[in-house]
Amino acid sequence: MYVFHATEREDVDPEVLAAFDESALIAAEGAKGFIHYQPNDGLSYCIWETAEDAQVATSSPEHRAAAMYAPMAYEKWQLTCWEVSMPAEGEIDFVQLWTRDSG
């Protein structure tokens, strides 16, 4: 699971940002291993079957274009990768693997 936490710049054009987000989402939804995307204001997450699937999908031209726009759209951002597993029925474990930020 990849979690993106960001603070938008006051001068960001919401239509341009939405277009980049939509393009990246369409590419992700067509990629191998995509499970779910949940957008929220300031905090979104995407779930993939494997980290390898996520790496391949995020190398798409659409995702790279959205990532290149991030410094213009956000005052600050943080991307965190979590491993999610189900060790037993009714249990879910989350292990933080890494964090990157605009820092």
PDB file of N, CA and C in Angstrom:
ATOM      1  N   MET A   1       0.857  -1.160   0.000  1.00  0.00           N
ATOM      2  CA  MET A   1       0.000   0.000   0.000  1.00  0.00           C
ATOM      3  C   MET A   1       0.904   1.224   0.000  1.00  0.00           C
ATOM      4  N   TYR A   2       0.576   2.184  -0.847  1.00  0.00           N
ATOM      5  CA  TYR A   2       1.309   3.436  -0.926  1.00  0.00           C
ATOM      6  C   TYR A   2       0.382   4.553  -0.468  1.00  0.00           C
ATOM      7  N   VAL A   3       0.858   5.354   0.485  1.00  0.00           N
ATOM      8  CA  VAL A   3       0.060   6.431   1.054  1.00  0.00           C
ATOM      9  C   VAL A   3       0.723   7.751   0.695  1.00  0.00           C
ATOM     10  N   PHE A   4      -0.066   8.665   0.101  1.00  0.00           N
ATOM     11  CA  PHE A   4       0.431   9.971  -0.320  1.00  0.00           C
ATOM     12  C   PHE A   4      -0.265  11.031   0.509  1.00  0.00           C
ATOM     13  N   HIS A   5       0.520  11.751   1.302  1.00  0.00           N
ATOM     14  CA  HIS A   5       0.007  12.817   2.159  1.00  0.00           C
ATOM     15  C   HIS A   5       0.599  14.125   1.644  1.00  0.00           C
ATOM     16  N   ALA A   6      -0.253  15.112   1.329  1.00  0.00           N
ATOM     17  CA  ALA A   6       0.260  16.336   0.728  1.00  0.00           C
ATOM     18  C   ALA A   6      -0.551  17.554   1.140  1.00  0.00           C
ATOM     19  N   THR A   7       0.132  18.697   1.076  1.00  0.00           N
ATOM     20  CA  THR A   7      -0.508  19.990   1.299  1.00  0.00           C
ATOM     21  C   THR A   7      -0.413  20.767  -0.004  1.00  0.00           C
ATOM     22  N   GLU A   8      -1.578  21.086  -0.587  1.00  0.00           N
ATOM     23  CA  GLU A   8      -1.599  21.803  -1.859  1.00  0.00           C
ATOM     24  C   GLU A   8      -1.124  23.238  -1.694  1.00  0.00           C
ATOM     25  N   ARG A   9      -0.484  23.735  -2.734  1.00  0.00           N
ATOM     26  CA  ARG A   9      -0.123  25.152  -2.787  1.00  0.00           C
ATOM     27  C   ARG A   9      -1.411  25.960  -2.987  1.00  0.00           C
ATOM     28  N   GLU A  10      -1.438  27.147  -2.429  1.00  0.00           N
ATOM     29  CA  GLU A  10      -2.625  27.996  -2.566  1.00  0.00           C
ATOM     30  C   GLU A  10      -2.900  28.365  -4.011  1.00  0.00           C
ATOM     31  N   ASP A  11      -1.855  28.494  -4.824  1.00  0.00           N
ATOM     32  CA  ASP A  11      -2.021  28.938  -6.201  1.00  0.00           C
ATOM     33  C   ASP A  11      -2.152  27.791  -7.212  1.00  0.00           C
ATOM     34  N   VAL A  12      -2.278  26.556  -6.733  1.00  0.00           N
ATOM     35  CA  VAL A  12      -2.391  25.430  -7.656  1.00  0.00           C
ATOM     36  C   VAL A  12      -3.726  25.512  -8.412  1.00  0.00           C
ATOM     37  N   ASP A  13      -3.680  25.188  -9.678  1.00  0.00           N
ATOM     38  CA  ASP A  13      -4.895  25.142 -10.493  1.00  0.00           C
ATOM     39  C   ASP A  13      -5.557  23.781 -10.253  1.00  0.00           C
ATOM     40  N   PRO A  14      -6.709  23.750  -9.592  1.00  0.00           N
ATOM     41  CA  PRO A  14      -7.326  22.461  -9.261  1.00  0.00           C
ATOM     42  C   PRO A  14      -7.702  21.638 -10.488  1.00  0.00           C
ATOM     43  N   GLU A  15      -8.015  22.287 -11.594  1.00  0.00           N
ATOM     44  CA  GLU A  15      -8.368  21.544 -12.813  1.00  0.00           C
ATOM     45  C   GLU A  15      -7.144  20.862 -13.413  1.00  0.00           C
ATOM     46  N   VAL A  16      -6.017  21.538 -13.391  1.00  0.00           N
ATOM     47  CA  VAL A  16      -4.778  20.932 -13.905  1.00  0.00           C
ATOM     48  C   VAL A  16      -4.363  19.761 -13.014  1.00  0.00           C
ATOM     49  N   LEU A  17      -4.411  19.978 -11.707  1.00  0.00           N
ATOM     50  CA  LEU A  17      -4.064  18.902 -10.770  1.00  0.00           C
ATOM     51  C   LEU A  17      -4.991  17.704 -10.952  1.00  0.00           C
ATOM     52  N   ALA A  18      -6.274  17.953 -11.079  1.00  0.00           N
ATOM     53  CA  ALA A  18      -7.240  16.861 -11.275  1.00  0.00           C
ATOM     54  C   ALA A  18      -6.967  16.108 -12.573  1.00  0.00           C
ATOM     55  N   ALA A  19      -6.568  16.815 -13.621  1.00  0.00           N
ATOM     56  CA  ALA A  19      -6.273  16.166 -14.904  1.00  0.00           C
ATOM     57  C   ALA A  19      -5.061  15.238 -14.770  1.00  0.00           C
ATOM     58  N   PHE A  20      -4.009  15.693 -14.078  1.00  0.00           N
ATOM     59  CA  PHE A  20      -2.844  14.829 -13.855  1.00  0.00           C
ATOM     60  C   PHE A  20      -3.238  13.609 -13.024  1.00  0.00           C
ATOM     61  N   ASP A  21      -4.000  13.829 -11.958  1.00  0.00           N
ATOM     62  CA  ASP A  21      -4.431  12.724 -11.103  1.00  0.00           C
ATOM     63  C   ASP A  21      -5.265  11.709 -11.875  1.00  0.00           C
ATOM     64  N   GLU A  22      -6.207  12.206 -12.668  1.00  0.00           N
ATOM     65  CA  GLU A  22      -7.096  11.322 -13.434  1.00  0.00           C
ATOM     66  C   GLU A  22      -6.311  10.500 -14.449  1.00  0.00           C
ATOM     67  N   SER A  23      -5.388  11.129 -15.131  1.00  0.00           N
ATOM     68  CA  SER A  23      -4.573  10.421 -16.122  1.00  0.00           C
ATOM     69  C   SER A  23      -3.745   9.311 -15.472  1.00  0.00           C
ATOM     70  N   ALA A  24      -3.132   9.635 -14.321  1.00  0.00           N
ATOM     71  CA  ALA A  24      -2.336   8.627 -13.610  1.00  0.00           C
ATOM     72  C   ALA A  24      -3.219   7.495 -13.093  1.00  0.00           C
ATOM     73  N   LEU A  25      -4.421   7.822 -12.625  1.00  0.00           N
ATOM     74  CA  LEU A  25      -5.340   6.795 -12.130  1.00  0.00           C
ATOM     75  C   LEU A  25      -5.793   5.862 -13.249  1.00  0.00           C
ATOM     76  N   ILE A  26      -6.127   6.407 -14.389  1.00  0.00           N
ATOM     77  CA  ILE A  26      -6.550   5.571 -15.519  1.00  0.00           C
ATOM     78  C   ILE A  26      -5.435   4.598 -15.908  1.00  0.00           C
ATOM     79  N   ALA A  27      -4.204   5.093 -15.941  1.00  0.00           N
ATOM     80  CA  ALA A  27      -3.070   4.214 -16.253  1.00  0.00           C
ATOM     81  C   ALA A  27      -2.905   3.141 -15.181  1.00  0.00           C
ATOM     82  N   ALA A  28      -3.051   3.518 -13.919  1.00  0.00           N
ATOM     83  CA  ALA A  28      -2.896   2.553 -12.821  1.00  0.00           C
ATOM     84  C   ALA A  28      -3.974   1.479 -12.869  1.00  0.00           C
ATOM     85  N   GLU A  29      -5.211   1.889 -13.118  1.00  0.00           N
ATOM     86  CA  GLU A  29      -6.318   0.921 -13.144  1.00  0.00           C
ATOM     87  C   GLU A  29      -6.141  -0.135 -14.219  1.00  0.00           C
ATOM     88  N   GLY A  30      -5.411   0.190 -15.279  1.00  0.00           N
ATOM     89  CA  GLY A  30      -5.168  -0.770 -16.348  1.00  0.00           C
ATOM     90  C   GLY A  30      -3.914  -1.599 -16.141  1.00  0.00           C
ATOM     91  N   ALA A  31      -3.195  -1.333 -15.068  1.00  0.00           N
ATOM     92  CA  ALA A  31      -1.923  -2.020 -14.827  1.00  0.00           C
ATOM     93  C   ALA A  31      -2.133  -3.323 -14.059  1.00  0.00           C
ATOM     94  N   LYS A  32      -1.198  -4.226 -14.249  1.00  0.00           N
ATOM     95  CA  LYS A  32      -1.207  -5.509 -13.541  1.00  0.00           C
ATOM     96  C   LYS A  32      -1.108  -5.279 -12.035  1.00  0.00           C
ATOM     97  N   GLY A  33      -1.915  -5.987 -11.264  1.00  0.00           N
ATOM     98  CA  GLY A  33      -1.815  -5.980  -9.823  1.00  0.00           C
ATOM     99  C   GLY A  33      -2.542  -4.858  -9.104  1.00  0.00           C
ATOM    100  N   PHE A  34      -3.193  -3.956  -9.853  1.00  0.00           N
ATOM    101  CA  PHE A  34      -3.918  -2.859  -9.216  1.00  0.00           C
ATOM    102  C   PHE A  34      -5.110  -3.413  -8.436  1.00  0.00           C
ATOM    103  N   ILE A  35      -5.279  -2.967  -7.185  1.00  0.00           N
ATOM    104  CA  ILE A  35      -6.399  -3.413  -6.362  1.00  0.00           C
ATOM    105  C   ILE A  35      -7.360  -2.274  -6.060  1.00  0.00           C
ATOM    106  N   HIS A  36      -6.842  -1.156  -5.546  1.00  0.00           N
ATOM    107  CA  HIS A  36      -7.743  -0.097  -5.094  1.00  0.00           C
ATOM    108  C   HIS A  36      -7.013   1.233  -4.992  1.00  0.00           C
ATOM    109  N   TYR A  37      -7.740   2.315  -5.285  1.00  0.00           N
ATOM    110  CA  TYR A  37      -7.248   3.670  -5.073  1.00  0.00           C
ATOM    111  C   TYR A  37      -8.307   4.435  -4.305  1.00  0.00           C
ATOM    112  N   GLN A  38      -7.896   5.124  -3.256  1.00  0.00           N
ATOM    113  CA  GLN A  38      -8.830   5.919  -2.445  1.00  0.00           C
ATOM    114  C   GLN A  38      -8.310   7.345  -2.346  1.00  0.00           C
ATOM    115  N   PRO A  39      -8.920   8.261  -3.117  1.00  0.00           N
ATOM    116  CA  PRO A  39      -8.497   9.661  -3.003  1.00  0.00           C
ATOM    117  C   PRO A  39      -9.216  10.360  -1.854  1.00  0.00           C
ATOM    118  N   ASN A  40      -8.495  11.153  -1.126  1.00  0.00           N
ATOM    119  CA  ASN A  40      -9.043  11.997  -0.072  1.00  0.00           C
ATOM    120  C   ASN A  40      -8.292  13.319  -0.125  1.00  0.00           C
ATOM    121  N   ASP A  41      -8.882  14.376   0.398  1.00  0.00           N
ATOM    122  CA  ASP A  41      -8.184  15.659   0.452  1.00  0.00           C
ATOM    123  C   ASP A  41      -6.963  15.530   1.343  1.00  0.00           C
ATOM    124  N   GLY A  42      -5.796  15.669   0.751  1.00  0.00           N
ATOM    125  CA  GLY A  42      -4.560  15.666   1.513  1.00  0.00           C
ATOM    126  C   GLY A  42      -3.993  14.306   1.873  1.00  0.00           C
ATOM    127  N   LEU A  43      -4.771  13.234   1.690  1.00  0.00           N
ATOM    128  CA  LEU A  43      -4.289  11.896   2.042  1.00  0.00           C
ATOM    129  C   LEU A  43      -4.979  10.863   1.156  1.00  0.00           C
ATOM    130  N   SER A  44      -4.204  10.255   0.277  1.00  0.00           N
ATOM    131  CA  SER A  44      -4.743   9.242  -0.630  1.00  0.00           C
ATOM    132  C   SER A  44      -3.912   7.976  -0.502  1.00  0.00           C
ATOM    133  N   TYR A  45      -4.493   6.852  -0.900  1.00  0.00           N
ATOM    134  CA  TYR A  45      -3.710   5.617  -0.881  1.00  0.00           C
ATOM    135  C   TYR A  45      -4.086   4.722  -2.051  1.00  0.00           C
ATOM    136  N   CYS A  46      -3.116   3.881  -2.407  1.00  0.00           N
ATOM    137  CA  CYS A  46      -3.265   2.958  -3.526  1.00  0.00           C
ATOM    138  C   CYS A  46      -2.753   1.595  -3.071  1.00  0.00           C
ATOM    139  N   ILE A  47      -3.497   0.555  -3.396  1.00  0.00           N
ATOM    140  CA  ILE A  47      -3.130  -0.802  -2.982  1.00  0.00           C
ATOM    141  C   ILE A  47      -2.841  -1.648  -4.225  1.00  0.00           C
ATOM    142  N   TRP A  48      -1.732  -2.367  -4.157  1.00  0.00           N
ATOM    143  CA  TRP A  48      -1.278  -3.230  -5.249  1.00  0.00           C
ATOM    144  C   TRP A  48      -1.064  -4.637  -4.714  1.00  0.00           C
ATOM    145  N   GLU A  49      -1.136  -5.614  -5.598  1.00  0.00           N
ATOM    146  CA  GLU A  49      -0.863  -6.998  -5.184  1.00  0.00           C
ATOM    147  C   GLU A  49       0.582  -7.154  -4.731  1.00  0.00           C
ATOM    148  N   THR A  50       1.518  -6.566  -5.476  1.00  0.00           N
ATOM    149  CA  THR A  50       2.931  -6.682  -5.111  1.00  0.00           C
ATOM    150  C   THR A  50       3.628  -5.334  -5.304  1.00  0.00           C
ATOM    151  N   ALA A  51       4.751  -5.181  -4.641  1.00  0.00           N
ATOM    152  CA  ALA A  51       5.562  -3.972  -4.824  1.00  0.00           C
ATOM    153  C   ALA A  51       6.072  -3.878  -6.256  1.00  0.00           C
ATOM    154  N   GLU A  52       6.354  -5.017  -6.869  1.00  0.00           N
ATOM    155  CA  GLU A  52       6.825  -5.020  -8.247  1.00  0.00           C
ATOM    156  C   GLU A  52       5.751  -4.488  -9.190  1.00  0.00           C
ATOM    157  N   ASP A  53       4.495  -4.873  -8.959  1.00  0.00           N
ATOM    158  CA  ASP A  53       3.393  -4.354  -9.781  1.00  0.00           C
ATOM    159  C   ASP A  53       3.306  -2.836  -9.654  1.00  0.00           C
ATOM    160  N   ALA A  54       3.438  -2.336  -8.436  1.00  0.00           N
ATOM    161  CA  ALA A  54       3.373  -0.893  -8.200  1.00  0.00           C
ATOM    162  C   ALA A  54       4.525  -0.177  -8.896  1.00  0.00           C
ATOM    163  N   GLN A  55       5.720  -0.747  -8.841  1.00  0.00           N
ATOM    164  CA  GLN A  55       6.882  -0.124  -9.475  1.00  0.00           C
ATOM    165  C   GLN A  55       6.708  -0.030 -10.983  1.00  0.00           C
ATOM    166  N   VAL A  56       6.194  -1.084 -11.592  1.00  0.00           N
ATOM    167  CA  VAL A  56       5.972  -1.064 -13.036  1.00  0.00           C
ATOM    168  C   VAL A  56       4.920  -0.010 -13.384  1.00  0.00           C
ATOM    169  N   ALA A  57       3.825   0.001 -12.646  1.00  0.00           N
ATOM    170  CA  ALA A  57       2.734   0.942 -12.938  1.00  0.00           C
ATOM    171  C   ALA A  57       3.164   2.387 -12.740  1.00  0.00           C
ATOM    172  N   THR A  58       3.953   2.653 -11.715  1.00  0.00           N
ATOM    173  CA  THR A  58       4.350   4.035 -11.454  1.00  0.00           C
ATOM    174  C   THR A  58       5.448   4.518 -12.389  1.00  0.00           C
ATOM    175  N   SER A  59       5.931   3.649 -13.253  1.00  0.00           N
ATOM    176  CA  SER A  59       6.882   4.088 -14.269  1.00  0.00           C
ATOM    177  C   SER A  59       6.175   4.475 -15.569  1.00  0.00           C
ATOM    178  N   SER A  60       4.843   4.433 -15.572  1.00  0.00           N
ATOM    179  CA  SER A  60       4.090   4.819 -16.769  1.00  0.00           C
ATOM    180  C   SER A  60       4.309   6.306 -17.064  1.00  0.00           C
ATOM    181  N   PRO A  61       4.215   6.705 -18.321  1.00  0.00           N
ATOM    182  CA  PRO A  61       4.363   8.132 -18.656  1.00  0.00           C
ATOM    183  C   PRO A  61       3.354   9.014 -17.917  1.00  0.00           C
ATOM    184  N   GLU A  62       2.148   8.512 -17.720  1.00  0.00           N
ATOM    185  CA  GLU A  62       1.110   9.292 -17.038  1.00  0.00           C
ATOM    186  C   GLU A  62       1.478   9.538 -15.573  1.00  0.00           C
ATOM    187  N   HIS A  63       1.973   8.512 -14.921  1.00  0.00           N
ATOM    188  CA  HIS A  63       2.353   8.657 -13.518  1.00  0.00           C
ATOM    189  C   HIS A  63       3.594   9.536 -13.380  1.00  0.00           C
ATOM    190  N   ARG A  64       4.544   9.364 -14.277  1.00  0.00           N
ATOM    191  CA  ARG A  64       5.747  10.210 -14.226  1.00  0.00           C
ATOM    192  C   ARG A  64       5.397  11.675 -14.438  1.00  0.00           C
ATOM    193  N   ALA A  65       4.450  11.954 -15.345  1.00  0.00           N
ATOM    194  CA  ALA A  65       4.030  13.345 -15.574  1.00  0.00           C
ATOM    195  C   ALA A  65       3.384  13.926 -14.313  1.00  0.00           C
ATOM    196  N   ALA A  66       2.546  13.146 -13.647  1.00  0.00           N
ATOM    197  CA  ALA A  66       1.920  13.602 -12.400  1.00  0.00           C
ATOM    198  C   ALA A  66       2.970  13.846 -11.329  1.00  0.00           C
ATOM    199  N   ALA A  67       3.948  12.968 -11.231  1.00  0.00           N
ATOM    200  CA  ALA A  67       5.012  13.134 -10.240  1.00  0.00           C
ATOM    201  C   ALA A  67       5.850  14.379 -10.542  1.00  0.00           C
ATOM    202  N   MET A  68       6.069  14.664 -11.806  1.00  0.00           N
ATOM    203  CA  MET A  68       6.836  15.861 -12.180  1.00  0.00           C
ATOM    204  C   MET A  68       6.066  17.143 -11.834  1.00  0.00           C
ATOM    205  N   TYR A  69       4.749  17.059 -11.827  1.00  0.00           N
ATOM    206  CA  TYR A  69       3.919  18.217 -11.503  1.00  0.00           C
ATOM    207  C   TYR A  69       3.842  18.455  -9.989  1.00  0.00           C
ATOM    208  N   ALA A  70       4.146  17.452  -9.199  1.00  0.00           N
ATOM    209  CA  ALA A  70       4.003  17.539  -7.742  1.00  0.00           C
ATOM    210  C   ALA A  70       4.687  18.754  -7.115  1.00  0.00           C
ATOM    211  N   PRO A  71       5.928  19.096  -7.479  1.00  0.00           N
ATOM    212  CA  PRO A  71       6.549  20.267  -6.846  1.00  0.00           C
ATOM    213  C   PRO A  71       5.809  21.580  -7.122  1.00  0.00           C
ATOM    214  N   MET A  72       5.109  21.646  -8.240  1.00  0.00           N
ATOM    215  CA  MET A  72       4.333  22.848  -8.561  1.00  0.00           C
ATOM    216  C   MET A  72       2.966  22.841  -7.870  1.00  0.00           C
ATOM    217  N   ALA A  73       2.484  21.666  -7.512  1.00  0.00           N
ATOM    218  CA  ALA A  73       1.135  21.532  -6.956  1.00  0.00           C
ATOM    219  C   ALA A  73       1.104  21.516  -5.433  1.00  0.00           C
ATOM    220  N   TYR A  74       2.191  21.054  -4.811  1.00  0.00           N
ATOM    221  CA  TYR A  74       2.175  20.837  -3.363  1.00  0.00           C
ATOM    222  C   TYR A  74       3.262  21.615  -2.642  1.00  0.00           C
ATOM    223  N   GLU A  75       2.893  22.201  -1.502  1.00  0.00           N
ATOM    224  CA  GLU A  75       3.882  22.860  -0.640  1.00  0.00           C
ATOM    225  C   GLU A  75       4.819  21.816  -0.060  1.00  0.00           C
ATOM    226  N   LYS A  76       4.233  20.715   0.377  1.00  0.00           N
ATOM    227  CA  LYS A  76       5.014  19.591   0.897  1.00  0.00           C
ATOM    228  C   LYS A  76       4.225  18.317   0.641  1.00  0.00           C
ATOM    229  N   TRP A  77       4.952  17.205   0.567  1.00  0.00           N
ATOM    230  CA  TRP A  77       4.300  15.919   0.352  1.00  0.00           C
ATOM    231  C   TRP A  77       5.138  14.820   1.001  1.00  0.00           C
ATOM    232  N   GLN A  78       4.488  13.701   1.248  1.00  0.00           N
ATOM    233  CA  GLN A  78       5.162  12.531   1.803  1.00  0.00           C
ATOM    234  C   GLN A  78       4.530  11.285   1.185  1.00  0.00           C
ATOM    235  N   LEU A  79       5.371  10.383   0.738  1.00  0.00           N
ATOM    236  CA  LEU A  79       4.934   9.101   0.195  1.00  0.00           C
ATOM    237  C   LEU A  79       5.491   8.009   1.087  1.00  0.00           C
ATOM    238  N   THR A  80       4.599   7.139   1.579  1.00  0.00           N
ATOM    239  CA  THR A  80       5.005   6.061   2.466  1.00  0.00           C
ATOM    240  C   THR A  80       4.551   4.729   1.885  1.00  0.00           C
ATOM    241  N   CYS A  81       5.436   3.760   1.910  1.00  0.00           N
ATOM    242  CA  CYS A  81       5.125   2.414   1.430  1.00  0.00           C
ATOM    243  C   CYS A  81       4.920   1.495   2.626  1.00  0.00           C
ATOM    244  N   TRP A  82       3.811   0.787   2.620  1.00  0.00           N
ATOM    245  CA  TRP A  82       3.471  -0.156   3.687  1.00  0.00           C
ATOM    246  C   TRP A  82       3.284  -1.546   3.095  1.00  0.00           C
ATOM    247  N   GLU A  83       3.760  -2.542   3.806  1.00  0.00           N
ATOM    248  CA  GLU A  83       3.442  -3.928   3.462  1.00  0.00           C
ATOM    249  C   GLU A  83       2.216  -4.309   4.290  1.00  0.00           C
ATOM    250  N   VAL A  84       1.207  -4.810   3.603  1.00  0.00           N
ATOM    251  CA  VAL A  84      -0.031  -5.206   4.274  1.00  0.00           C
ATOM    252  C   VAL A  84      -0.170  -6.713   4.121  1.00  0.00           C
ATOM    253  N   SER A  85      -0.392  -7.399   5.238  1.00  0.00           N
ATOM    254  CA  SER A  85      -0.545  -8.850   5.180  1.00  0.00           C
ATOM    255  C   SER A  85      -1.664  -9.297   6.114  1.00  0.00           C
ATOM    256  N   MET A  86      -2.114 -10.501   5.885  1.00  0.00           N
ATOM    257  CA  MET A  86      -3.148 -11.111   6.723  1.00  0.00           C
ATOM    258  C   MET A  86      -2.579 -12.398   7.306  1.00  0.00           C
ATOM    259  N   PRO A  87      -1.908 -12.306   8.463  1.00  0.00           N
ATOM    260  CA  PRO A  87      -1.256 -13.492   9.036  1.00  0.00           C
ATOM    261  C   PRO A  87      -2.238 -14.552   9.530  1.00  0.00           C
ATOM    262  N   ALA A  88      -3.442 -14.140   9.870  1.00  0.00           N
ATOM    263  CA  ALA A  88      -4.467 -15.079  10.335  1.00  0.00           C
ATOM    264  C   ALA A  88      -5.833 -14.488  10.013  1.00  0.00           C
ATOM    265  N   GLU A  89      -6.825 -15.327   9.999  1.00  0.00           N
ATOM    266  CA  GLU A  89      -8.187 -14.868   9.725  1.00  0.00           C
ATOM    267  C   GLU A  89      -8.571 -13.739  10.675  1.00  0.00           C
ATOM    268  N   GLY A  90      -9.039 -12.649  10.101  1.00  0.00           N
ATOM    269  CA  GLY A  90      -9.478 -11.517  10.907  1.00  0.00           C
ATOM    270  C   GLY A  90      -8.370 -10.596  11.376  1.00  0.00           C
ATOM    271  N   GLU A  91      -7.126 -10.871  10.984  1.00  0.00           N
ATOM    272  CA  GLU A  91      -6.001 -10.026  11.373  1.00  0.00           C
ATOM    273  C   GLU A  91      -5.399  -9.361  10.148  1.00  0.00           C
ATOM    274  N   ILE A  92      -4.996  -8.117  10.312  1.00  0.00           N
ATOM    275  CA  ILE A  92      -4.278  -7.400   9.264  1.00  0.00           C
ATOM    276  C   ILE A  92      -3.060  -6.746   9.906  1.00  0.00           C
ATOM    277  N   ASP A  93      -1.893  -6.975   9.318  1.00  0.00           N
ATOM    278  CA  ASP A  93      -0.658  -6.364   9.790  1.00  0.00           C
ATOM    279  C   ASP A  93      -0.185  -5.317   8.791  1.00  0.00           C
ATOM    280  N   PHE A  94       0.308  -4.197   9.312  1.00  0.00           N
ATOM    281  CA  PHE A  94       0.893  -3.138   8.507  1.00  0.00           C
ATOM    282  C   PHE A  94       2.333  -2.948   8.952  1.00  0.00           C
ATOM    283  N   VAL A  95       3.266  -3.002   7.993  1.00  0.00           N
ATOM    284  CA  VAL A  95       4.676  -2.766   8.280  1.00  0.00           C
ATOM    285  C   VAL A  95       5.154  -1.658   7.349  1.00  0.00           C
ATOM    286  N   GLN A  96       5.642  -0.563   7.944  1.00  0.00           N
ATOM    287  CA  GLN A  96       6.142   0.539   7.130  1.00  0.00           C
ATOM    288  C   GLN A  96       7.488   0.158   6.550  1.00  0.00           C
ATOM    289  N   LEU A  97       7.616   0.244   5.219  1.00  0.00           N
ATOM    290  CA  LEU A  97       8.861  -0.139   4.548  1.00  0.00           C
ATOM    291  C   LEU A  97       9.776   1.051   4.317  1.00  0.00           C
ATOM    292  N   TRP A  98       9.204   2.162   3.849  1.00  0.00           N
ATOM    293  CA  TRP A  98      10.008   3.358   3.604  1.00  0.00           C
ATOM    294  C   TRP A  98       9.119   4.583   3.492  1.00  0.00           C
ATOM    295  N   THR A  99       9.758   5.756   3.610  1.00  0.00           N
ATOM    296  CA  THR A  99       9.084   7.038   3.457  1.00  0.00           C
ATOM    297  C   THR A  99       9.970   7.962   2.641  1.00  0.00           C
ATOM    298  N   ARG A 100       9.362   8.697   1.723  1.00  0.00           N
ATOM    299  CA  ARG A 100      10.049   9.743   0.973  1.00  0.00           C
ATOM    300  C   ARG A 100       9.231  11.015   1.113  1.00  0.00           C
ATOM    301  N   ASP A 101       9.923  12.149   1.161  1.00  0.00           N
ATOM    302  CA  ASP A 101       9.165  13.391   1.252  1.00  0.00           C
ATOM    303  C   ASP A 101       9.848  14.511   0.479  1.00  0.00           C
ATOM    304  N   SER A 102       9.128  15.613   0.382  1.00  0.00           N
ATOM    305  CA  SER A 102       9.611  16.742  -0.390  1.00  0.00           C
ATOM    306  C   SER A 102      10.719  17.495   0.306  1.00  0.00           C
ATOM    307  N   GLY A 103      10.974  17.125   1.523  1.00  0.00           N
ATOM    308  CA  GLY A 103      11.854  17.652   2.407  1.00  0.00           C
ATOM    309  C   GLY A 103      13.025  18.360   2.439  1.00  0.00           C
TER     310      GLY A 103
END
